Each structure stands twice: as C-alpha cells, then as structure tokens.
C-alpha cells in the first residue's frame, strides 16, 4: 500500500483512504478523476469482446470462402419442367460425374420464407426428378443450394 500526500494539509496518508484522517479532505474523488470509472472500464471490456467476436467471424467467413473456392465445381446439372399434376415446376438433377454423389439440397422460397432440406443420392448420368410428389412445389424465384463436401457449393434459382 503506497502513501500519498493530502493536497490540503500535506499529511502522508494511504492511497486507498477516502478522506484525509487529519483534515477530512476527500481523497478518492481527486485520485479517481485521472482514472476511468469502473462503469467505463466495463463498457470498454464489452467493446473489446465485441470487436474480438467480429474479427473471429470475419476470419471464419474468409476461411470458408477461400476453402470452398479451392474445390472443383459441383458436377450436377439442373433443369426445370412444368409439373404434370400440380402447379409449378419439377427440378431435374443430373450427376455429370462418373461417380456416385450424395448432396444436401436446400430449397428456399423467399416470398413465403419457407425452407426445406433434402438428401439427394445421385447416380452417374441418371436424372433424378424432384417436385410436388417428393415434397416441394417449385415456383418462380425459388432458390436451390446444393452442398457436397468435396465440391464447391452450387446455387440455382428457378426461372
């Protein structure tokens, strides 16, 4: 514990004293004018934590973008046709590679904010139709995302 001099009577007192024991002059008020208040320190710590979290999110995003770009394009062709028994479209997925592919297909309708995900198992060069009977009514503007770990994520939109 350090000793400081009272600004009023010049007596040596503890730096932790709230007032001078000789003259009663308040001490911590003067000492704390130079330092940040505990409340401001807390706000500063929260800002630093938010800054660190934002920086970590940016690093993660950049890693995901560059990691995905180093992969080959997903060899899946998408075509559309009118549904025969319902309104809307059917999607036809064709695996253009020479090996079996399993992809996670996510369909999103931005108008109604509805989203569903399905697993599609695609044999080489065999078209797979997906539409009303399989659980999704495609309409113009629907967004399709296809994901496979070995390939870049593919994005499509229904015309």
N, C-alpha and C. Protein backbone atom coordinates (compact mmCIF):
# COMPACT_ATOMS: atom_id res chain seq x y z
N UNK A 1 0.86 -1.17 0.00
CA UNK A 1 0.00 0.00 0.00
C UNK A 1 0.90 1.23 0.00
N UNK A 2 0.68 2.11 -0.94
CA UNK A 2 1.50 3.31 -1.10
C UNK A 2 0.91 4.48 -0.31
N UNK A 3 1.80 5.37 0.04
CA UNK A 3 1.37 6.57 0.75
C UNK A 3 1.38 7.74 -0.22
N UNK A 4 0.37 8.60 -0.06
CA UNK A 4 0.29 9.80 -0.88
C UNK A 4 0.18 11.00 0.05
N UNK A 5 0.33 12.17 -0.51
CA UNK A 5 0.26 13.39 0.28
C UNK A 5 -1.12 14.01 0.11
N UNK A 6 -1.71 14.41 1.22
CA UNK A 6 -3.01 15.08 1.18
C UNK A 6 -2.82 16.43 0.49
N UNK A 7 -3.64 16.74 -0.50
CA UNK A 7 -3.48 18.01 -1.21
C UNK A 7 -3.82 19.23 -0.34
N UNK A 8 -4.54 19.01 0.76
CA UNK A 8 -4.96 20.13 1.61
C UNK A 8 -3.93 20.42 2.71
N UNK A 9 -3.61 19.37 3.54
CA UNK A 9 -2.74 19.61 4.70
C UNK A 9 -1.34 19.02 4.53
N UNK A 10 -1.08 18.33 3.43
CA UNK A 10 0.21 17.74 3.07
C UNK A 10 0.62 16.59 3.97
N UNK A 11 -0.32 16.00 4.72
CA UNK A 11 -0.01 14.85 5.56
C UNK A 11 0.08 13.61 4.69
N UNK A 12 0.91 12.63 5.11
CA UNK A 12 1.04 11.37 4.37
C UNK A 12 -0.09 10.45 4.80
N UNK A 13 -0.86 9.98 3.79
CA UNK A 13 -2.00 9.10 4.07
C UNK A 13 -2.00 7.98 3.04
N UNK A 14 -2.78 6.94 3.32
CA UNK A 14 -2.90 5.80 2.40
C UNK A 14 -3.59 6.23 1.11
N UNK A 15 -3.12 5.66 -0.01
CA UNK A 15 -3.76 5.98 -1.29
C UNK A 15 -5.18 5.43 -1.38
N UNK A 16 -5.54 4.51 -0.51
CA UNK A 16 -6.88 3.92 -0.52
C UNK A 16 -7.86 4.66 0.38
N UNK A 17 -7.36 5.64 1.11
CA UNK A 17 -8.22 6.40 2.02
C UNK A 17 -9.22 7.23 1.23
N UNK A 18 -10.46 7.32 1.75
CA UNK A 18 -11.47 8.11 1.07
C UNK A 18 -11.37 9.59 1.45
N UNK A 19 -10.79 9.86 2.62
CA UNK A 19 -10.57 11.25 3.04
C UNK A 19 -9.36 11.29 3.97
N UNK A 20 -8.80 12.45 4.13
CA UNK A 20 -7.63 12.63 4.99
C UNK A 20 -8.07 12.49 6.45
N UNK A 21 -7.38 11.63 7.25
CA UNK A 21 -7.77 11.49 8.66
C UNK A 21 -7.46 12.74 9.50
N UNK A 22 -6.58 13.62 9.03
CA UNK A 22 -6.23 14.83 9.78
C UNK A 22 -7.21 15.97 9.51
N UNK A 23 -7.41 16.27 8.19
CA UNK A 23 -8.22 17.45 7.87
C UNK A 23 -9.59 17.10 7.28
N UNK A 24 -9.80 15.83 6.90
CA UNK A 24 -11.09 15.41 6.36
C UNK A 24 -11.27 15.69 4.88
N UNK A 25 -10.24 16.17 4.22
CA UNK A 25 -10.32 16.48 2.79
C UNK A 25 -10.57 15.18 2.00
N UNK A 26 -11.57 15.19 1.07
CA UNK A 26 -11.82 13.97 0.28
C UNK A 26 -10.64 13.67 -0.63
N UNK A 27 -10.25 12.37 -0.68
CA UNK A 27 -9.06 11.97 -1.42
C UNK A 27 -9.42 11.21 -2.70
N UNK A 28 -10.25 10.19 -2.62
CA UNK A 28 -10.53 9.34 -3.79
C UNK A 28 -11.20 10.10 -4.92
N UNK A 29 -11.92 11.14 -4.61
CA UNK A 29 -12.55 11.93 -5.66
C UNK A 29 -11.48 12.52 -6.55
N UNK A 30 -10.41 13.03 -5.96
CA UNK A 30 -9.33 13.64 -6.72
C UNK A 30 -8.53 12.55 -7.44
N UNK A 31 -8.24 11.45 -6.75
CA UNK A 31 -7.44 10.38 -7.35
C UNK A 31 -8.16 9.73 -8.52
N UNK A 32 -9.48 9.60 -8.44
CA UNK A 32 -10.23 8.92 -9.50
C UNK A 32 -10.53 9.81 -10.69
N UNK A 33 -10.27 11.12 -10.59
CA UNK A 33 -10.53 11.98 -11.73
C UNK A 33 -9.62 11.62 -12.90
N UNK A 34 -8.42 11.12 -12.61
CA UNK A 34 -7.47 10.76 -13.66
C UNK A 34 -7.75 9.36 -14.22
N UNK A 35 -8.36 8.50 -13.45
CA UNK A 35 -8.62 7.11 -13.87
C UNK A 35 -10.02 6.97 -14.43
N UNK A 36 -10.23 5.89 -15.23
CA UNK A 36 -11.58 5.61 -15.73
C UNK A 36 -12.45 5.09 -14.59
N UNK A 37 -13.71 5.40 -14.64
CA UNK A 37 -14.62 4.87 -13.64
C UNK A 37 -14.83 3.39 -13.93
N UNK A 38 -15.22 2.58 -12.90
CA UNK A 38 -15.45 1.15 -13.12
C UNK A 38 -16.50 0.90 -14.20
N UNK A 39 -17.50 1.78 -14.30
CA UNK A 39 -18.54 1.59 -15.30
C UNK A 39 -17.96 1.74 -16.71
N UNK A 40 -17.10 2.75 -16.91
CA UNK A 40 -16.47 2.95 -18.22
C UNK A 40 -15.54 1.79 -18.56
N UNK A 41 -14.84 1.23 -17.56
CA UNK A 41 -13.98 0.08 -17.80
C UNK A 41 -14.80 -1.11 -18.28
N UNK A 42 -15.98 -1.31 -17.69
CA UNK A 42 -16.86 -2.41 -18.10
C UNK A 42 -17.33 -2.25 -19.54
N UNK A 43 -17.68 -1.02 -19.92
CA UNK A 43 -18.12 -0.74 -21.29
C UNK A 43 -16.96 -0.99 -22.25
N UNK A 44 -15.76 -0.58 -21.87
CA UNK A 44 -14.59 -0.79 -22.71
C UNK A 44 -14.32 -2.27 -22.90
N UNK A 45 -14.48 -3.07 -21.86
CA UNK A 45 -14.27 -4.52 -21.94
C UNK A 45 -15.32 -5.15 -22.86
N UNK A 46 -16.55 -4.71 -22.78
CA UNK A 46 -17.60 -5.24 -23.66
C UNK A 46 -17.30 -4.89 -25.10
N UNK A 47 -16.85 -3.67 -25.35
CA UNK A 47 -16.49 -3.26 -26.73
C UNK A 47 -15.35 -4.10 -27.26
N UNK A 48 -14.35 -4.37 -26.42
CA UNK A 48 -13.23 -5.20 -26.84
C UNK A 48 -13.70 -6.62 -27.16
N UNK A 49 -14.58 -7.16 -26.35
CA UNK A 49 -15.10 -8.51 -26.58
C UNK A 49 -15.90 -8.56 -27.88
N UNK A 50 -16.72 -7.55 -28.13
CA UNK A 50 -17.49 -7.49 -29.39
C UNK A 50 -16.53 -7.38 -30.57
N UNK A 51 -15.51 -6.58 -30.44
CA UNK A 51 -14.52 -6.44 -31.51
C UNK A 51 -13.82 -7.76 -31.82
N UNK A 52 -13.47 -8.50 -30.78
CA UNK A 52 -12.82 -9.81 -30.96
C UNK A 52 -13.76 -10.78 -31.65
N UNK A 53 -15.03 -10.79 -31.25
CA UNK A 53 -16.00 -11.69 -31.87
C UNK A 53 -16.24 -11.34 -33.33
N UNK A 54 -16.31 -10.05 -33.64
CA UNK A 54 -16.48 -9.63 -35.05
C UNK A 54 -15.26 -10.05 -35.86
N UNK A 55 -14.07 -9.85 -35.33
CA UNK A 55 -12.86 -10.24 -36.03
C UNK A 55 -12.83 -11.75 -36.27
N UNK A 56 -13.22 -12.54 -35.28
CA UNK A 56 -13.27 -14.00 -35.45
C UNK A 56 -14.28 -14.40 -36.52
N UNK A 57 -15.43 -13.73 -36.57
CA UNK A 57 -16.44 -14.03 -37.60
C UNK A 57 -15.91 -13.71 -38.99
N UNK A 58 -15.19 -12.60 -39.13
CA UNK A 58 -14.62 -12.23 -40.43
C UNK A 58 -13.58 -13.25 -40.85
N UNK A 59 -12.72 -13.66 -39.94
CA UNK A 59 -11.71 -14.67 -40.26
C UNK A 59 -12.36 -15.98 -40.68
N UNK A 60 -13.40 -16.41 -39.97
CA UNK A 60 -14.11 -17.64 -40.31
C UNK A 60 -14.73 -17.54 -41.70
N UNK A 61 -15.36 -16.39 -42.01
CA UNK A 61 -16.00 -16.20 -43.31
C UNK A 61 -14.97 -16.26 -44.43
N UNK A 62 -13.85 -15.56 -44.26
CA UNK A 62 -12.80 -15.57 -45.29
C UNK A 62 -12.26 -16.98 -45.47
N UNK A 63 -12.06 -17.71 -44.39
CA UNK A 63 -11.58 -19.10 -44.49
C UNK A 63 -12.56 -19.95 -45.28
N UNK A 64 -13.85 -19.84 -44.98
CA UNK A 64 -14.87 -20.65 -45.68
C UNK A 64 -14.91 -20.30 -47.16
N UNK A 65 -14.83 -19.03 -47.50
CA UNK A 65 -14.89 -18.61 -48.91
C UNK A 65 -13.68 -19.16 -49.66
N UNK A 66 -12.48 -18.97 -49.13
CA UNK A 66 -11.29 -19.43 -49.84
C UNK A 66 -11.17 -20.94 -49.84
N UNK A 67 -11.62 -21.60 -48.77
CA UNK A 67 -11.60 -23.06 -48.73
C UNK A 67 -12.55 -23.64 -49.78
N UNK A 68 -13.72 -23.05 -49.94
CA UNK A 68 -14.70 -23.53 -50.92
C UNK A 68 -14.20 -23.26 -52.34
N UNK A 69 -13.50 -22.14 -52.56
CA UNK A 69 -13.03 -21.80 -53.90
C UNK A 69 -11.94 -22.75 -54.39
N UNK A 70 -11.22 -23.40 -53.49
CA UNK A 70 -10.16 -24.31 -53.90
C UNK A 70 -10.70 -25.65 -54.36
N UNK A 71 -11.98 -25.89 -54.17
CA UNK A 71 -12.61 -27.16 -54.56
C UNK A 71 -13.12 -27.05 -55.99
N UNK A 72 -13.27 -28.21 -56.68
CA UNK A 72 -13.84 -28.17 -58.03
C UNK A 72 -15.34 -27.87 -57.99
N UNK A 73 -15.87 -27.44 -59.13
CA UNK A 73 -17.31 -27.15 -59.23
C UNK A 73 -18.12 -28.44 -59.08
N UNK A 74 -19.28 -28.33 -58.50
CA UNK A 74 -20.17 -29.49 -58.32
C UNK A 74 -20.68 -29.94 -59.68
N UNK A 75 -20.45 -31.21 -60.06
CA UNK A 75 -20.84 -31.67 -61.41
C UNK A 75 -22.31 -32.09 -61.49
N UNK A 76 -23.21 -31.21 -61.09
CA UNK A 76 -24.63 -31.51 -61.13
C UNK A 76 -25.32 -30.49 -62.03
N UNK A 77 -26.06 -30.99 -63.00
CA UNK A 77 -26.81 -30.13 -63.91
C UNK A 77 -28.25 -30.03 -63.41
N UNK A 78 -28.82 -28.84 -63.47
CA UNK A 78 -30.20 -28.62 -63.04
C UNK A 78 -31.02 -28.14 -64.23
N UNK A 79 -32.17 -28.79 -64.41
CA UNK A 79 -33.12 -28.40 -65.44
C UNK A 79 -34.50 -28.35 -64.81
N UNK A 80 -35.42 -27.65 -65.47
CA UNK A 80 -36.77 -27.48 -64.94
C UNK A 80 -37.77 -27.92 -66.00
N UNK A 81 -38.90 -28.39 -65.51
CA UNK A 81 -40.02 -28.67 -66.40
C UNK A 81 -41.30 -28.37 -65.64
N UNK A 82 -42.37 -28.12 -66.35
CA UNK A 82 -43.68 -27.88 -65.73
C UNK A 82 -44.17 -29.17 -65.09
N UNK A 83 -44.77 -29.05 -63.90
CA UNK A 83 -45.38 -30.21 -63.25
C UNK A 83 -46.57 -30.70 -64.07
N UNK A 84 -46.76 -32.00 -64.10
CA UNK A 84 -47.87 -32.55 -64.86
C UNK A 84 -49.17 -32.54 -64.08
N UNK A 85 -49.09 -32.83 -62.76
CA UNK A 85 -50.29 -32.96 -61.94
C UNK A 85 -50.48 -31.83 -60.93
N UNK A 86 -49.58 -30.86 -60.94
CA UNK A 86 -49.68 -29.76 -59.97
C UNK A 86 -49.19 -28.47 -60.63
N UNK A 87 -49.46 -27.36 -59.97
CA UNK A 87 -48.93 -26.08 -60.45
C UNK A 87 -47.46 -25.99 -60.09
N UNK A 88 -46.72 -25.26 -60.86
CA UNK A 88 -45.31 -25.07 -60.55
C UNK A 88 -44.40 -25.90 -61.43
N UNK A 89 -43.17 -26.11 -60.91
CA UNK A 89 -42.13 -26.78 -61.68
C UNK A 89 -41.62 -28.00 -60.95
N UNK A 90 -41.01 -28.91 -61.72
CA UNK A 90 -40.25 -30.03 -61.17
C UNK A 90 -38.79 -29.75 -61.52
N UNK A 91 -37.91 -30.10 -60.63
CA UNK A 91 -36.47 -29.92 -60.82
C UNK A 91 -35.89 -31.26 -61.26
N UNK A 92 -35.00 -31.24 -62.24
CA UNK A 92 -34.34 -32.46 -62.70
C UNK A 92 -32.84 -32.29 -62.45
N UNK A 93 -32.31 -33.11 -61.52
CA UNK A 93 -30.89 -33.07 -61.17
C UNK A 93 -30.19 -34.21 -61.90
N UNK A 94 -29.07 -33.90 -62.57
CA UNK A 94 -28.30 -34.93 -63.26
C UNK A 94 -26.84 -34.83 -62.83
N UNK A 95 -26.32 -35.95 -62.31
CA UNK A 95 -24.93 -36.03 -61.89
C UNK A 95 -24.08 -36.26 -63.13
N UNK A 96 -23.25 -35.30 -63.50
CA UNK A 96 -22.43 -35.39 -64.71
C UNK A 96 -21.06 -36.01 -64.45
N UNK A 97 -20.79 -36.46 -63.25
CA UNK A 97 -19.51 -37.11 -62.97
C UNK A 97 -19.64 -38.62 -63.20
N UNK A 98 -18.52 -39.33 -63.06
CA UNK A 98 -18.56 -40.78 -63.25
C UNK A 98 -18.61 -41.53 -61.92
N UNK A 99 -18.95 -40.82 -60.85
CA UNK A 99 -19.07 -41.49 -59.55
C UNK A 99 -20.36 -41.07 -58.86
N UNK A 100 -20.78 -41.87 -57.91
CA UNK A 100 -21.99 -41.64 -57.13
C UNK A 100 -21.79 -40.39 -56.26
N UNK A 101 -22.82 -39.53 -56.20
CA UNK A 101 -22.76 -38.33 -55.37
C UNK A 101 -23.97 -38.26 -54.44
N UNK A 102 -23.71 -37.87 -53.22
CA UNK A 102 -24.79 -37.58 -52.27
C UNK A 102 -24.68 -36.10 -51.94
N UNK A 103 -25.76 -35.35 -52.15
CA UNK A 103 -25.74 -33.91 -51.91
C UNK A 103 -26.87 -33.51 -50.96
N UNK A 104 -26.63 -32.46 -50.22
CA UNK A 104 -27.66 -31.87 -49.39
C UNK A 104 -28.29 -30.76 -50.21
N UNK A 105 -29.55 -30.90 -50.53
CA UNK A 105 -30.27 -29.91 -51.32
C UNK A 105 -31.16 -29.10 -50.39
N UNK A 106 -31.00 -27.78 -50.42
CA UNK A 106 -31.84 -26.90 -49.62
C UNK A 106 -32.64 -26.03 -50.57
N UNK A 107 -33.95 -26.07 -50.41
CA UNK A 107 -34.86 -25.29 -51.26
C UNK A 107 -35.45 -24.18 -50.41
N UNK A 108 -35.46 -22.97 -50.95
CA UNK A 108 -35.96 -21.81 -50.20
C UNK A 108 -36.90 -21.00 -51.08
N UNK A 109 -38.06 -20.69 -50.54
CA UNK A 109 -38.99 -19.81 -51.21
C UNK A 109 -38.92 -18.46 -50.51
N UNK A 110 -38.31 -17.44 -51.15
CA UNK A 110 -38.13 -16.16 -50.48
C UNK A 110 -39.44 -15.40 -50.25
N UNK A 111 -40.47 -15.69 -51.02
CA UNK A 111 -41.74 -14.99 -50.86
C UNK A 111 -42.42 -15.40 -49.55
N UNK A 112 -42.46 -16.71 -49.27
CA UNK A 112 -43.13 -17.22 -48.07
C UNK A 112 -42.16 -17.54 -46.95
N UNK A 113 -40.87 -17.28 -47.15
CA UNK A 113 -39.83 -17.54 -46.14
C UNK A 113 -39.86 -18.99 -45.67
N UNK A 114 -40.09 -19.91 -46.58
CA UNK A 114 -40.09 -21.32 -46.23
C UNK A 114 -38.83 -21.98 -46.77
N UNK A 115 -38.30 -22.92 -46.00
CA UNK A 115 -37.07 -23.61 -46.37
C UNK A 115 -37.19 -25.07 -45.99
N UNK A 116 -36.69 -25.96 -46.85
CA UNK A 116 -36.64 -27.39 -46.55
C UNK A 116 -35.33 -27.93 -47.11
N UNK A 117 -34.79 -28.94 -46.44
CA UNK A 117 -33.57 -29.59 -46.91
C UNK A 117 -33.85 -31.06 -47.14
N UNK A 118 -33.24 -31.60 -48.19
CA UNK A 118 -33.40 -32.99 -48.55
C UNK A 118 -32.04 -33.57 -48.93
N UNK A 119 -31.88 -34.86 -48.75
CA UNK A 119 -30.67 -35.55 -49.21
C UNK A 119 -30.99 -36.14 -50.58
N UNK A 120 -30.13 -35.84 -51.54
CA UNK A 120 -30.30 -36.39 -52.88
C UNK A 120 -29.13 -37.33 -53.17
N UNK A 121 -29.43 -38.58 -53.49
CA UNK A 121 -28.42 -39.54 -53.88
C UNK A 121 -28.46 -39.65 -55.40
N UNK A 122 -27.38 -39.23 -56.05
CA UNK A 122 -27.35 -39.11 -57.50
C UNK A 122 -26.35 -40.10 -58.11
N UNK A 123 -26.86 -41.02 -58.91
CA UNK A 123 -26.01 -41.95 -59.65
C UNK A 123 -25.45 -41.23 -60.87
N UNK A 124 -24.32 -41.68 -61.40
CA UNK A 124 -23.74 -41.02 -62.56
C UNK A 124 -24.68 -41.02 -63.77
N UNK A 125 -24.88 -39.85 -64.35
CA UNK A 125 -25.66 -39.65 -65.58
C UNK A 125 -27.09 -40.18 -65.53
N UNK A 126 -27.68 -40.26 -64.36
CA UNK A 126 -29.07 -40.69 -64.21
C UNK A 126 -29.87 -39.50 -63.67
N UNK A 127 -30.82 -38.96 -64.46
CA UNK A 127 -31.61 -37.82 -63.98
C UNK A 127 -32.52 -38.20 -62.81
N UNK A 128 -32.59 -37.32 -61.84
CA UNK A 128 -33.48 -37.51 -60.69
C UNK A 128 -34.45 -36.33 -60.67
N UNK A 129 -35.74 -36.62 -60.73
CA UNK A 129 -36.76 -35.56 -60.72
C UNK A 129 -37.21 -35.31 -59.28
N UNK A 130 -37.42 -34.07 -58.99
CA UNK A 130 -37.84 -33.67 -57.64
C UNK A 130 -38.89 -32.59 -57.80
N UNK A 131 -40.03 -32.80 -57.16
CA UNK A 131 -41.10 -31.82 -57.27
C UNK A 131 -42.18 -32.05 -56.24
N UNK A 132 -43.43 -31.84 -56.64
CA UNK A 132 -44.58 -31.92 -55.76
C UNK A 132 -44.65 -33.25 -55.02
N UNK A 133 -44.49 -34.35 -55.72
CA UNK A 133 -44.61 -35.68 -55.09
C UNK A 133 -43.49 -35.97 -54.11
N UNK A 134 -42.35 -35.32 -54.27
CA UNK A 134 -41.22 -35.54 -53.37
C UNK A 134 -41.19 -34.57 -52.18
N UNK A 135 -42.09 -33.58 -52.18
CA UNK A 135 -42.18 -32.72 -51.01
C UNK A 135 -41.92 -31.24 -51.21
N UNK A 136 -41.78 -30.78 -52.46
CA UNK A 136 -41.56 -29.35 -52.66
C UNK A 136 -42.19 -28.91 -53.97
N UNK A 137 -43.00 -27.87 -53.90
CA UNK A 137 -43.59 -27.26 -55.09
C UNK A 137 -42.70 -26.10 -55.52
N UNK A 138 -41.93 -26.29 -56.57
CA UNK A 138 -41.06 -25.22 -57.05
C UNK A 138 -41.88 -24.15 -57.75
N UNK A 139 -41.60 -22.90 -57.42
CA UNK A 139 -42.23 -21.77 -58.10
C UNK A 139 -41.13 -20.83 -58.57
N UNK A 140 -41.48 -19.94 -59.46
CA UNK A 140 -40.50 -19.00 -59.99
C UNK A 140 -39.89 -18.19 -58.84
N UNK A 141 -38.57 -18.08 -58.83
CA UNK A 141 -37.86 -17.34 -57.78
C UNK A 141 -37.33 -18.20 -56.65
N UNK A 142 -37.74 -19.47 -56.58
CA UNK A 142 -37.21 -20.35 -55.53
C UNK A 142 -35.69 -20.47 -55.68
N UNK A 143 -35.01 -20.58 -54.54
CA UNK A 143 -33.56 -20.68 -54.54
C UNK A 143 -33.17 -22.10 -54.13
N UNK A 144 -32.18 -22.64 -54.83
CA UNK A 144 -31.72 -24.01 -54.58
C UNK A 144 -30.23 -23.95 -54.25
N UNK A 145 -29.85 -24.62 -53.16
CA UNK A 145 -28.45 -24.73 -52.76
C UNK A 145 -28.10 -26.21 -52.68
N UNK A 146 -27.03 -26.61 -53.37
CA UNK A 146 -26.56 -28.00 -53.34
C UNK A 146 -25.19 -28.03 -52.70
N UNK A 147 -25.02 -28.92 -51.69
CA UNK A 147 -23.77 -28.98 -50.94
C UNK A 147 -23.24 -30.41 -50.92
N UNK A 148 -21.95 -30.55 -51.23
CA UNK A 148 -21.21 -31.79 -51.08
C UNK A 148 -19.82 -31.39 -50.63
N UNK A 149 -19.27 -32.06 -49.61
CA UNK A 149 -18.01 -31.64 -49.01
C UNK A 149 -16.84 -31.57 -49.99
N UNK A 150 -16.85 -32.39 -51.04
CA UNK A 150 -15.74 -32.43 -51.96
C UNK A 150 -15.80 -31.40 -53.07
N UNK A 151 -16.89 -30.63 -53.15
CA UNK A 151 -17.09 -29.69 -54.25
C UNK A 151 -17.53 -28.33 -53.72
N UNK A 152 -17.44 -27.32 -54.61
CA UNK A 152 -17.94 -26.01 -54.27
C UNK A 152 -19.46 -26.07 -54.12
N UNK A 153 -20.01 -25.26 -53.25
CA UNK A 153 -21.45 -25.17 -53.09
C UNK A 153 -22.05 -24.58 -54.37
N UNK A 154 -23.14 -25.20 -54.85
CA UNK A 154 -23.78 -24.74 -56.08
C UNK A 154 -25.09 -24.03 -55.73
N UNK A 155 -25.35 -22.92 -56.42
CA UNK A 155 -26.55 -22.13 -56.20
C UNK A 155 -27.34 -22.02 -57.52
N UNK A 156 -28.63 -22.23 -57.44
CA UNK A 156 -29.51 -22.13 -58.60
C UNK A 156 -30.76 -21.36 -58.20
N UNK A 157 -31.44 -20.85 -59.22
CA UNK A 157 -32.70 -20.15 -58.98
C UNK A 157 -33.68 -20.60 -60.05
N UNK A 158 -34.93 -20.87 -59.64
CA UNK A 158 -35.95 -21.30 -60.57
C UNK A 158 -36.38 -20.08 -61.40
N UNK A 159 -36.39 -20.21 -62.75
CA UNK A 159 -36.73 -19.05 -63.59
C UNK A 159 -38.19 -18.64 -63.45
